[in-house]
Amino acid sequence: MSPVLASNRAGNLVRALIIIAILVLIMRTAYLLWVFHTPAWTSRPHDVQYCGGWYERSETPDLTGAEARKRAGGRLKQVMRSPVLRPITAYKPGSACPRYIFAKVASDTYVQYEITDD
């Protein structure tokens, strides 16, 4: 008999783990939709929080790695992960927050984010 259908302790444990996993996925999706206005399956959230401020996705087309390095003014390195678990890269030579950050969406394709002026 399948452990999910079993009425013993193992069946209860398997059912509980499945229910917890489903709840975690639902709550993660709800959180991403509420805070970042993007579902979990997209790699392009509208805005990302980094370095104490918010960065807004620019409407420019996707950039290659060379274009992103040119736009940033130097070599990019990973500074965090986006809410949808994609690398966020930036050029940050000093303690100041960078003007642009880039989210990697393919092997050599980046989406540009610009710091919002508050």
C-alpha atoms as a PDB file:
ATOM      1  CA  MET A   1       0.000   0.000   0.000  1.00  0.00           C
ATOM      2  CA  SER A   2       1.187   3.523  -0.749  1.00  0.00           C
ATOM      3  CA  PRO A   3       2.550   5.429   2.290  1.00  0.00           C
ATOM      4  CA  VAL A   4       0.209   8.308   1.465  1.00  0.00           C
ATOM      5  CA  LEU A   5      -2.843   6.053   1.703  1.00  0.00           C
ATOM      6  CA  ALA A   6      -1.610   4.095   4.719  1.00  0.00           C
ATOM      7  CA  SER A   7      -3.422   4.760   7.965  1.00  0.00           C
ATOM      8  CA  ASN A   8      -0.407   4.177  10.200  1.00  0.00           C
ATOM      9  CA  ARG A   9       2.214   6.576  11.567  1.00  0.00           C
ATOM     10  CA  ALA A  10       4.291   6.577   8.348  1.00  0.00           C
ATOM     11  CA  GLY A  11       1.235   7.516   6.277  1.00  0.00           C
ATOM     12  CA  ASN A  12       0.397  10.375   8.628  1.00  0.00           C
ATOM     13  CA  LEU A  13       3.961  11.656   8.437  1.00  0.00           C
ATOM     14  CA  VAL A  14       4.047  11.532   4.634  1.00  0.00           C
ATOM     15  CA  ARG A  15       0.682  13.296   4.376  1.00  0.00           C
ATOM     16  CA  ALA A  16       1.817  15.979   6.847  1.00  0.00           C
ATOM     17  CA  LEU A  17       5.032  16.602   4.893  1.00  0.00           C
ATOM     18  CA  ILE A  18       3.121  16.886   1.625  1.00  0.00           C
ATOM     19  CA  ILE A  19       0.653  19.348   3.139  1.00  0.00           C
ATOM     20  CA  ILE A  20       3.478  21.435   4.628  1.00  0.00           C
ATOM     21  CA  ALA A  21       5.276  21.540   1.259  1.00  0.00           C
ATOM     22  CA  ILE A  22       2.111  22.658  -0.519  1.00  0.00           C
ATOM     23  CA  LEU A  23       1.483  25.373   2.085  1.00  0.00           C
ATOM     24  CA  VAL A  24       5.062  26.644   1.788  1.00  0.00           C
ATOM     25  CA  LEU A  25       4.768  26.908  -2.007  1.00  0.00           C
ATOM     26  CA  ILE A  26       1.430  28.706  -1.773  1.00  0.00           C
ATOM     27  CA  MET A  27       2.680  31.149   0.873  1.00  0.00           C
ATOM     28  CA  ARG A  28       5.901  31.852  -1.076  1.00  0.00           C
ATOM     29  CA  THR A  29       3.901  32.628  -4.194  1.00  0.00           C
ATOM     30  CA  ALA A  30       1.531  34.870  -2.225  1.00  0.00           C
ATOM     31  CA  TYR A  31       4.489  36.690  -0.632  1.00  0.00           C
ATOM     32  CA  LEU A  32       6.201  37.279  -3.981  1.00  0.00           C
ATOM     33  CA  LEU A  33       2.984  38.508  -5.574  1.00  0.00           C
ATOM     34  CA  TRP A  34       2.242  40.825  -2.644  1.00  0.00           C
ATOM     35  CA  VAL A  35       5.704  42.315  -2.052  1.00  0.00           C
ATOM     36  CA  PHE A  36       7.442  42.100  -5.432  1.00  0.00           C
ATOM     37  CA  HIS A  37       4.377  41.916  -7.732  1.00  0.00           C
ATOM     38  CA  THR A  38       5.779  38.901  -9.517  1.00  0.00           C
ATOM     39  CA  PRO A  39       4.991  35.197  -9.359  1.00  0.00           C
ATOM     40  CA  ALA A  40       7.644  32.690  -8.396  1.00  0.00           C
ATOM     41  CA  TRP A  41       8.094  31.365 -11.923  1.00  0.00           C
ATOM     42  CA  THR A  42       9.256  34.616 -13.535  1.00  0.00           C
ATOM     43  CA  SER A  43      12.805  35.909 -13.336  1.00  0.00           C
ATOM     44  CA  ARG A  44      11.970  39.580 -13.850  1.00  0.00           C
ATOM     45  CA  PRO A  45      10.407  41.154 -10.746  1.00  0.00           C
ATOM     46  CA  HIS A  46       9.363  44.811 -11.121  1.00  0.00           C
ATOM     47  CA  ASP A  47      11.506  46.023  -8.249  1.00  0.00           C
ATOM     48  CA  VAL A  48      14.241  44.606  -6.042  1.00  0.00           C
ATOM     49  CA  GLN A  49      15.459  45.794  -2.643  1.00  0.00           C
ATOM     50  CA  TYR A  50      19.236  46.062  -2.252  1.00  0.00           C
ATOM     51  CA  CYS A  51      21.712  48.278  -0.392  1.00  0.00           C
ATOM     52  CA  GLY A  52      19.000  49.900   1.726  1.00  0.00           C
ATOM     53  CA  GLY A  53      16.930  51.091  -1.233  1.00  0.00           C
ATOM     54  CA  TRP A  54      14.672  49.925  -4.020  1.00  0.00           C
ATOM     55  CA  TYR A  55      15.753  49.318  -7.585  1.00  0.00           C
ATOM     56  CA  GLU A  56      13.154  49.492 -10.340  1.00  0.00           C
ATOM     57  CA  ARG A  57      13.346  47.443 -13.524  1.00  0.00           C
ATOM     58  CA  SER A  58      14.120  49.640 -16.501  1.00  0.00           C
ATOM     59  CA  GLU A  59      12.160  49.258 -19.695  1.00  0.00           C
ATOM     60  CA  THR A  60      15.305  48.709 -21.774  1.00  0.00           C
ATOM     61  CA  PRO A  61      15.661  45.430 -23.656  1.00  0.00           C
ATOM     62  CA  ASP A  62      17.678  42.634 -22.083  1.00  0.00           C
ATOM     63  CA  LEU A  63      21.445  43.206 -22.062  1.00  0.00           C
ATOM     64  CA  THR A  64      24.351  40.887 -22.768  1.00  0.00           C
ATOM     65  CA  GLY A  65      27.141  40.529 -20.221  1.00  0.00           C
ATOM     66  CA  ALA A  66      29.419  42.923 -22.134  1.00  0.00           C
ATOM     67  CA  GLU A  67      26.683  45.574 -22.375  1.00  0.00           C
ATOM     68  CA  ALA A  68      25.927  45.238 -18.654  1.00  0.00           C
ATOM     69  CA  ARG A  69      29.611  45.647 -17.727  1.00  0.00           C
ATOM     70  CA  LYS A  70      29.859  48.701 -19.986  1.00  0.00           C
ATOM     71  CA  ARG A  71      26.711  50.227 -18.480  1.00  0.00           C
ATOM     72  CA  ALA A  72      27.887  49.543 -14.913  1.00  0.00           C
ATOM     73  CA  GLY A  73      31.391  50.864 -15.531  1.00  0.00           C
ATOM     74  CA  GLY A  74      33.335  47.815 -14.399  1.00  0.00           C
ATOM     75  CA  ARG A  75      33.374  44.112 -13.701  1.00  0.00           C
ATOM     76  CA  LEU A  76      30.155  42.686 -12.271  1.00  0.00           C
ATOM     77  CA  LYS A  77      30.051  40.380  -9.282  1.00  0.00           C
ATOM     78  CA  GLN A  78      27.157  38.666  -7.565  1.00  0.00           C
ATOM     79  CA  VAL A  79      25.886  40.729  -4.643  1.00  0.00           C
ATOM     80  CA  MET A  80      22.692  38.845  -3.718  1.00  0.00           C
ATOM     81  CA  ARG A  81      19.936  36.641  -5.064  1.00  0.00           C
ATOM     82  CA  SER A  82      16.709  38.023  -6.441  1.00  0.00           C
ATOM     83  CA  PRO A  83      13.367  37.066  -4.856  1.00  0.00           C
ATOM     84  CA  VAL A  84      12.973  34.404  -7.527  1.00  0.00           C
ATOM     85  CA  LEU A  85      16.415  32.897  -6.739  1.00  0.00           C
ATOM     86  CA  ARG A  86      18.313  34.380  -9.690  1.00  0.00           C
ATOM     87  CA  PRO A  87      21.729  36.014  -9.220  1.00  0.00           C
ATOM     88  CA  ILE A  88      21.779  39.798  -8.856  1.00  0.00           C
ATOM     89  CA  THR A  89      25.081  41.293  -9.996  1.00  0.00           C
ATOM     90  CA  ALA A  90      26.493  44.793  -9.667  1.00  0.00           C
ATOM     91  CA  TYR A  91      29.691  46.781  -9.987  1.00  0.00           C
ATOM     92  CA  LYS A  92      30.445  48.168  -6.547  1.00  0.00           C
ATOM     93  CA  PRO A  93      33.981  49.521  -6.202  1.00  0.00           C
ATOM     94  CA  GLY A  94      33.431  51.398  -2.937  1.00  0.00           C
ATOM     95  CA  SER A  95      30.978  51.683  -0.077  1.00  0.00           C
ATOM     96  CA  ALA A  96      28.425  53.628  -2.143  1.00  0.00           C
ATOM     97  CA  CYS A  97      25.384  51.872  -3.541  1.00  0.00           C
ATOM     98  CA  PRO A  98      25.596  51.227  -7.289  1.00  0.00           C
ATOM     99  CA  ARG A  99      23.284  53.095  -9.647  1.00  0.00           C
ATOM    100  CA  TYR A 100      22.523  49.947 -11.671  1.00  0.00           C
ATOM    101  CA  ILE A 101      22.147  46.322 -10.709  1.00  0.00           C
ATOM    102  CA  PHE A 102      21.504  43.457 -13.090  1.00  0.00           C
ATOM    103  CA  ALA A 103      19.486  40.271 -12.696  1.00  0.00           C
ATOM    104  CA  LYS A 104      20.757  37.291 -14.646  1.00  0.00           C
ATOM    105  CA  VAL A 105      17.931  35.665 -16.604  1.00  0.00           C
ATOM    106  CA  ALA A 106      19.903  33.419 -18.972  1.00  0.00           C
ATOM    107  CA  SER A 107      23.492  32.320 -19.499  1.00  0.00           C
ATOM    108  CA  ASP A 108      24.579  35.745 -20.852  1.00  0.00           C
ATOM    109  CA  THR A 109      21.391  37.795 -20.588  1.00  0.00           C
ATOM    110  CA  TYR A 110      20.688  40.395 -17.902  1.00  0.00           C
ATOM    111  CA  VAL A 111      17.778  42.636 -16.936  1.00  0.00           C
ATOM    112  CA  GLN A 112      18.772  46.124 -15.788  1.00  0.00           C
ATOM    113  CA  TYR A 113      17.497  47.732 -12.584  1.00  0.00           C
ATOM    114  CA  GLU A 114      18.057  51.382 -11.695  1.00  0.00           C
ATOM    115  CA  ILE A 115      17.924  52.852  -8.194  1.00  0.00           C
ATOM    116  CA  THR A 116      14.719  54.788  -7.547  1.00  0.00           C
ATOM    117  CA  ASP A 117      14.969  58.436  -6.541  1.00  0.00           C
ATOM    118  CA  ASP A 118      13.039  58.826  -3.308  1.00  0.00           C
END
